[in-house]
Amino acid sequence: MWWNWVIPIVTLIIGLVGGFYAATYYLKKQLSNMQMDEKQIQNMARSMGMNLNQKQLKQMSRNMKNMKMPNKFPK
């Protein structure tokens, strides 16, 4: 009869751990594929109250393309 309590609890724990790792993998994959063109960067900067000139816009675009996501979470 104690199996009626142990199996659901173990299943819940395994599901939570598996779901966490699946979600972090999916999020990392989506963030690494995210790319913005110059118009989107300019609109984002304007929404934050900044006005970028062409040099700043090119630099921001280059920085976003070169940005790498960490492979592991900090400990």
N, C-alpha and C. Protein backbone atom coordinates (compact mmCIF):
# COMPACT_ATOMS: atom_id res chain seq x y z
N MET A 1 0.81 -1.21 0.00
CA MET A 1 0.00 0.00 0.00
C MET A 1 0.85 1.26 0.00
N TRP A 2 2.08 1.19 0.51
CA TRP A 2 2.92 2.39 0.54
C TRP A 2 3.36 2.78 -0.86
N TRP A 3 3.24 1.83 -1.84
CA TRP A 3 3.57 2.16 -3.22
C TRP A 3 2.62 3.20 -3.78
N ASN A 4 1.41 3.27 -3.25
CA ASN A 4 0.45 4.26 -3.72
C ASN A 4 0.90 5.69 -3.40
N TRP A 5 1.82 5.85 -2.46
CA TRP A 5 2.36 7.17 -2.13
C TRP A 5 3.73 7.40 -2.76
N VAL A 6 4.54 6.36 -2.83
CA VAL A 6 5.92 6.51 -3.30
C VAL A 6 5.98 6.75 -4.80
N ILE A 7 5.26 5.99 -5.58
CA ILE A 7 5.32 6.11 -7.05
C ILE A 7 4.90 7.51 -7.52
N PRO A 8 3.80 8.09 -7.07
CA PRO A 8 3.47 9.46 -7.53
C PRO A 8 4.51 10.50 -7.11
N ILE A 9 5.07 10.37 -5.93
CA ILE A 9 6.07 11.35 -5.47
C ILE A 9 7.34 11.24 -6.30
N VAL A 10 7.81 10.01 -6.54
CA VAL A 10 9.00 9.81 -7.35
C VAL A 10 8.76 10.29 -8.78
N THR A 11 7.60 10.01 -9.32
CA THR A 11 7.25 10.45 -10.67
C THR A 11 7.22 11.97 -10.75
N LEU A 12 6.67 12.62 -9.75
CA LEU A 12 6.63 14.08 -9.72
C LEU A 12 8.04 14.67 -9.70
N ILE A 13 8.91 14.12 -8.88
CA ILE A 13 10.29 14.62 -8.78
C ILE A 13 11.02 14.43 -10.11
N ILE A 14 10.89 13.28 -10.71
CA ILE A 14 11.54 13.02 -12.00
C ILE A 14 10.97 13.95 -13.08
N GLY A 15 9.68 14.18 -13.07
CA GLY A 15 9.07 15.08 -14.04
C GLY A 15 9.53 16.52 -13.87
N LEU A 16 9.65 16.97 -12.63
CA LEU A 16 10.11 18.34 -12.39
C LEU A 16 11.56 18.53 -12.84
N VAL A 17 12.42 17.57 -12.51
CA VAL A 17 13.83 17.67 -12.90
C VAL A 17 13.96 17.59 -14.42
N GLY A 18 13.28 16.66 -15.03
CA GLY A 18 13.33 16.53 -16.49
C GLY A 18 12.75 17.75 -17.19
N GLY A 19 11.67 18.29 -16.68
CA GLY A 19 11.08 19.49 -17.25
C GLY A 19 11.98 20.70 -17.13
N PHE A 20 12.67 20.81 -16.00
CA PHE A 20 13.60 21.93 -15.81
C PHE A 20 14.72 21.87 -16.85
N TYR A 21 15.33 20.71 -17.02
CA TYR A 21 16.42 20.59 -17.98
C TYR A 21 15.94 20.76 -19.42
N ALA A 22 14.77 20.27 -19.74
CA ALA A 22 14.22 20.46 -21.08
C ALA A 22 13.94 21.94 -21.35
N ALA A 23 13.39 22.64 -20.36
CA ALA A 23 13.09 24.06 -20.53
C ALA A 23 14.36 24.89 -20.67
N THR A 24 15.40 24.59 -19.88
CA THR A 24 16.65 25.36 -20.00
C THR A 24 17.32 25.10 -21.34
N TYR A 25 17.27 23.87 -21.83
CA TYR A 25 17.83 23.56 -23.15
C TYR A 25 17.08 24.33 -24.24
N TYR A 26 15.76 24.34 -24.16
CA TYR A 26 14.95 25.03 -25.16
C TYR A 26 15.21 26.54 -25.11
N LEU A 27 15.30 27.10 -23.92
CA LEU A 27 15.55 28.54 -23.78
C LEU A 27 16.92 28.92 -24.32
N LYS A 28 17.95 28.14 -24.02
CA LYS A 28 19.28 28.42 -24.55
C LYS A 28 19.29 28.37 -26.07
N LYS A 29 18.60 27.38 -26.62
CA LYS A 29 18.54 27.24 -28.07
C LYS A 29 17.84 28.43 -28.71
N GLN A 30 16.74 28.89 -28.12
CA GLN A 30 16.01 30.03 -28.66
C GLN A 30 16.83 31.32 -28.54
N LEU A 31 17.52 31.51 -27.43
CA LEU A 31 18.32 32.72 -27.25
C LEU A 31 19.52 32.75 -28.19
N SER A 32 20.10 31.60 -28.48
CA SER A 32 21.24 31.59 -29.38
C SER A 32 20.81 31.85 -30.82
N ASN A 33 19.58 31.54 -31.17
CA ASN A 33 19.09 31.78 -32.53
C ASN A 33 18.48 33.17 -32.70
N MET A 34 18.35 33.92 -31.61
CA MET A 34 17.70 35.22 -31.69
C MET A 34 18.63 36.22 -32.38
N GLN A 35 18.14 36.85 -33.43
CA GLN A 35 18.89 37.87 -34.13
C GLN A 35 17.97 39.05 -34.38
N MET A 36 18.53 40.24 -34.27
CA MET A 36 17.75 41.46 -34.49
C MET A 36 18.41 42.24 -35.62
N ASP A 37 17.59 42.80 -36.50
CA ASP A 37 18.15 43.67 -37.52
C ASP A 37 18.30 45.09 -36.97
N GLU A 38 18.89 45.98 -37.75
CA GLU A 38 19.20 47.32 -37.26
C GLU A 38 17.95 48.12 -36.92
N LYS A 39 16.89 47.90 -37.66
CA LYS A 39 15.64 48.64 -37.38
C LYS A 39 15.08 48.24 -36.01
N GLN A 40 15.11 46.95 -35.70
CA GLN A 40 14.62 46.48 -34.40
C GLN A 40 15.49 46.99 -33.26
N ILE A 41 16.81 47.03 -33.49
CA ILE A 41 17.72 47.56 -32.46
C ILE A 41 17.44 49.04 -32.22
N GLN A 42 17.23 49.79 -33.30
CA GLN A 42 16.94 51.22 -33.17
C GLN A 42 15.63 51.44 -32.41
N ASN A 43 14.61 50.65 -32.71
CA ASN A 43 13.33 50.77 -32.00
C ASN A 43 13.47 50.42 -30.53
N MET A 44 14.27 49.40 -30.22
CA MET A 44 14.49 49.02 -28.84
C MET A 44 15.22 50.14 -28.09
N ALA A 45 16.21 50.74 -28.74
CA ALA A 45 16.95 51.83 -28.10
C ALA A 45 16.05 53.04 -27.87
N ARG A 46 15.20 53.36 -28.83
CA ARG A 46 14.28 54.48 -28.67
C ARG A 46 13.29 54.23 -27.54
N SER A 47 12.85 52.98 -27.38
CA SER A 47 11.92 52.68 -26.30
C SER A 47 12.58 52.85 -24.93
N MET A 48 13.92 52.75 -24.89
CA MET A 48 14.65 52.96 -23.64
C MET A 48 15.12 54.40 -23.50
N GLY A 49 14.75 55.26 -24.44
CA GLY A 49 15.09 56.67 -24.34
C GLY A 49 16.44 57.04 -24.92
N MET A 50 17.02 56.18 -25.75
CA MET A 50 18.31 56.48 -26.37
C MET A 50 18.11 56.66 -27.86
N ASN A 51 18.95 57.51 -28.45
CA ASN A 51 18.92 57.70 -29.89
C ASN A 51 20.31 57.36 -30.41
N LEU A 52 20.43 56.27 -31.16
CA LEU A 52 21.72 55.78 -31.63
C LEU A 52 22.05 56.37 -33.00
N ASN A 53 23.32 56.80 -33.18
CA ASN A 53 23.74 57.19 -34.52
C ASN A 53 24.19 55.95 -35.28
N GLN A 54 24.59 56.09 -36.53
CA GLN A 54 24.92 54.93 -37.37
C GLN A 54 26.09 54.14 -36.79
N LYS A 55 27.11 54.83 -36.27
CA LYS A 55 28.27 54.13 -35.72
C LYS A 55 27.87 53.29 -34.51
N GLN A 56 27.06 53.86 -33.62
CA GLN A 56 26.62 53.12 -32.44
C GLN A 56 25.72 51.95 -32.83
N LEU A 57 24.89 52.18 -33.86
CA LEU A 57 23.98 51.14 -34.33
C LEU A 57 24.75 49.95 -34.90
N LYS A 58 25.77 50.23 -35.69
CA LYS A 58 26.61 49.16 -36.25
C LYS A 58 27.35 48.41 -35.14
N GLN A 59 27.85 49.16 -34.16
CA GLN A 59 28.57 48.54 -33.05
C GLN A 59 27.65 47.64 -32.24
N MET A 60 26.44 48.12 -31.97
CA MET A 60 25.47 47.32 -31.21
C MET A 60 25.08 46.07 -32.00
N SER A 61 24.89 46.21 -33.29
CA SER A 61 24.53 45.07 -34.12
C SER A 61 25.66 44.04 -34.13
N ARG A 62 26.90 44.52 -34.25
CA ARG A 62 28.06 43.62 -34.25
C ARG A 62 28.20 42.91 -32.91
N ASN A 63 27.98 43.63 -31.82
CA ASN A 63 28.07 43.03 -30.49
C ASN A 63 27.01 41.96 -30.28
N MET A 64 25.82 42.20 -30.78
CA MET A 64 24.75 41.20 -30.61
C MET A 64 25.02 39.95 -31.43
N LYS A 65 25.65 40.11 -32.59
CA LYS A 65 25.98 38.93 -33.41
C LYS A 65 27.10 38.12 -32.77
N ASN A 66 28.04 38.79 -32.10
CA ASN A 66 29.18 38.10 -31.49
C ASN A 66 28.90 37.58 -30.10
N MET A 67 27.73 37.89 -29.55
CA MET A 67 27.41 37.50 -28.18
C MET A 67 27.24 35.99 -28.10
N LYS A 68 27.91 35.40 -27.14
CA LYS A 68 27.84 33.96 -26.92
C LYS A 68 27.09 33.70 -25.62
N MET A 69 26.28 32.68 -25.60
CA MET A 69 25.57 32.28 -24.40
C MET A 69 26.45 31.29 -23.64
N PRO A 70 26.49 31.39 -22.31
CA PRO A 70 27.30 30.42 -21.55
C PRO A 70 26.70 29.02 -21.64
N ASN A 71 27.57 28.03 -21.65
CA ASN A 71 27.11 26.65 -21.75
C ASN A 71 26.60 26.10 -20.43
N LYS A 72 27.10 26.64 -19.33
CA LYS A 72 26.71 26.14 -18.02
C LYS A 72 26.21 27.27 -17.16
N PHE A 73 25.40 26.93 -16.22
CA PHE A 73 24.91 27.92 -15.25
C PHE A 73 25.99 28.18 -14.22
N PRO A 74 26.08 29.39 -13.70
CA PRO A 74 27.06 29.65 -12.64
C PRO A 74 26.70 28.88 -11.38
N LYS A 75 27.73 28.47 -10.67
CA LYS A 75 27.50 27.68 -9.46
C LYS A 75 27.42 28.56 -8.25
